[in-house]
Protein backbone atom coordinates (compact mmCIF):
# COMPACT_ATOMS: atom_id res chain seq x y z
CA MET A 1 -93.25 33.71 -25.89
CA THR A 2 -95.19 36.54 -24.33
CA LEU A 3 -94.89 40.21 -24.76
CA SER A 4 -92.91 40.63 -21.40
CA SER A 5 -90.36 37.93 -22.43
CA ALA A 6 -89.91 39.45 -25.81
CA SER A 7 -89.32 42.87 -24.27
CA VAL A 8 -86.76 41.40 -21.81
CA LEU A 9 -84.86 39.77 -24.77
CA PHE A 10 -84.85 43.05 -26.57
CA VAL A 11 -83.52 45.05 -23.57
CA ALA A 12 -80.94 42.38 -22.93
CA TYR A 13 -79.31 43.15 -26.26
CA ASN A 14 -76.63 45.79 -26.00
CA PRO A 15 -75.16 47.06 -29.23
CA GLU A 16 -71.75 47.72 -27.48
CA ASP A 17 -71.26 44.11 -26.76
CA VAL A 18 -71.26 43.09 -30.43
CA LYS A 19 -67.82 42.16 -31.60
CA PRO A 20 -66.43 41.13 -35.02
CA GLY A 21 -65.48 37.68 -33.69
CA TRP A 22 -62.95 35.02 -34.95
CA ILE A 23 -64.76 34.29 -38.09
CA ALA A 24 -64.32 37.78 -39.47
CA LEU A 25 -60.60 37.65 -38.38
CA VAL A 26 -60.05 34.36 -40.25
CA LEU A 27 -61.80 35.71 -43.39
CA VAL A 28 -59.60 38.96 -43.45
CA ILE A 29 -56.39 36.94 -42.97
CA ALA A 30 -57.60 34.47 -45.84
CA LEU A 31 -58.21 37.41 -48.15
CA ALA A 32 -54.72 38.96 -47.17
CA VAL A 33 -52.99 35.56 -48.00
CA ALA A 34 -54.95 35.09 -51.42
CA THR A 35 -54.13 38.81 -52.26
CA TYR A 36 -50.38 38.24 -51.45
CA LEU A 37 -50.24 34.98 -53.66
CA LEU A 38 -51.99 36.54 -56.47
CA TRP A 39 -49.51 39.56 -56.42
CA ARG A 40 -46.67 37.11 -56.54
CA SER A 41 -48.01 35.20 -59.31
CA MET A 42 -48.80 38.38 -61.32
CA ASN A 43 -45.20 39.59 -60.85
CA LYS A 44 -43.79 36.18 -61.99
CA GLN A 45 -45.87 36.26 -65.14
CA LEU A 46 -44.92 40.09 -65.76
CA ARG A 47 -41.25 39.06 -65.40
CA ASN A 48 -41.77 36.51 -68.29
CA ILE A 49 -42.83 39.17 -70.82
CA ASP A 50 -40.07 39.96 -73.30
CA VAL A 51 -40.27 43.63 -73.90
CA PRO A 52 -37.64 44.95 -76.46
CA THR A 53 -35.73 48.05 -75.45
CA ALA A 54 -35.55 51.32 -77.39
CA ALA A 55 -32.24 50.47 -78.92
CA GLU A 56 -33.48 47.01 -80.13
CA LEU A 57 -36.47 48.90 -81.68
CA ARG A 58 -34.28 51.32 -83.48
CA GLY A 59 -32.10 48.37 -84.69
CA GLN A 60 -35.20 46.56 -86.17
CA GLN A 61 -36.21 49.64 -87.91
CA ALA A 62 -32.83 49.94 -89.59
CA GLU A 63 -32.65 46.36 -90.90
CA PRO A 64 -35.23 46.47 -93.85
CA ARG A 65 -32.83 48.94 -95.62
CA ASP A 66 -30.24 46.23 -96.14
CA GLY A 67 -32.31 43.75 -97.83
CA GLN A 68 -35.97 43.49 -99.26
CA ALA A 69 -38.16 46.08 -97.89
CA GLU A 70 -40.80 44.78 -95.43
CA PRO A 71 -44.42 45.66 -96.24
CA PRO A 72 -46.20 48.21 -94.13
CA THR A 73 -47.69 47.33 -90.71
CA GLY A 74 -50.87 45.24 -91.23
CA GLU A 75 -50.01 43.89 -94.68
CA GLN A 76 -48.84 40.36 -95.09
CA PRO A 77 -46.10 39.43 -97.79
CA PRO A 78 -47.39 37.62 -100.61
CA ALA A 79 -47.38 33.79 -100.01
CA ASP A 80 -45.11 31.57 -101.85
CA PRO A 81 -47.30 28.96 -103.59
CA ASP A 82 -44.55 26.18 -103.53
CA ASP A 83 -44.17 26.66 -99.80
CA ASP A 84 -46.74 24.62 -97.92
CA SER A 85 -45.64 25.07 -94.33
CA ARG A 86 -49.26 24.48 -92.90
CA PRO A 87 -49.59 21.41 -90.58
CA THR A 88 -51.22 18.44 -92.09
CA THR A 89 -54.27 16.93 -90.23
């Protein structure tokens, strides 16, 4: 390749002729489809979450007054030594 042929190739390149092409279109469409499917899956998982309403929370706070008082949050009630509900291996 001589200097004159290299300069001809360089001059023949026109930046206005460059277009994204079909590959870019396919990639954008694939990303859009993947985003839509992930969005649907996320909504499906969020619908499965059981969130108590404010009335249910107020009802749960009133229940300990009837029977034994529950320990404060973070503390576990004392374990019954006779009750062995752990799975056996």
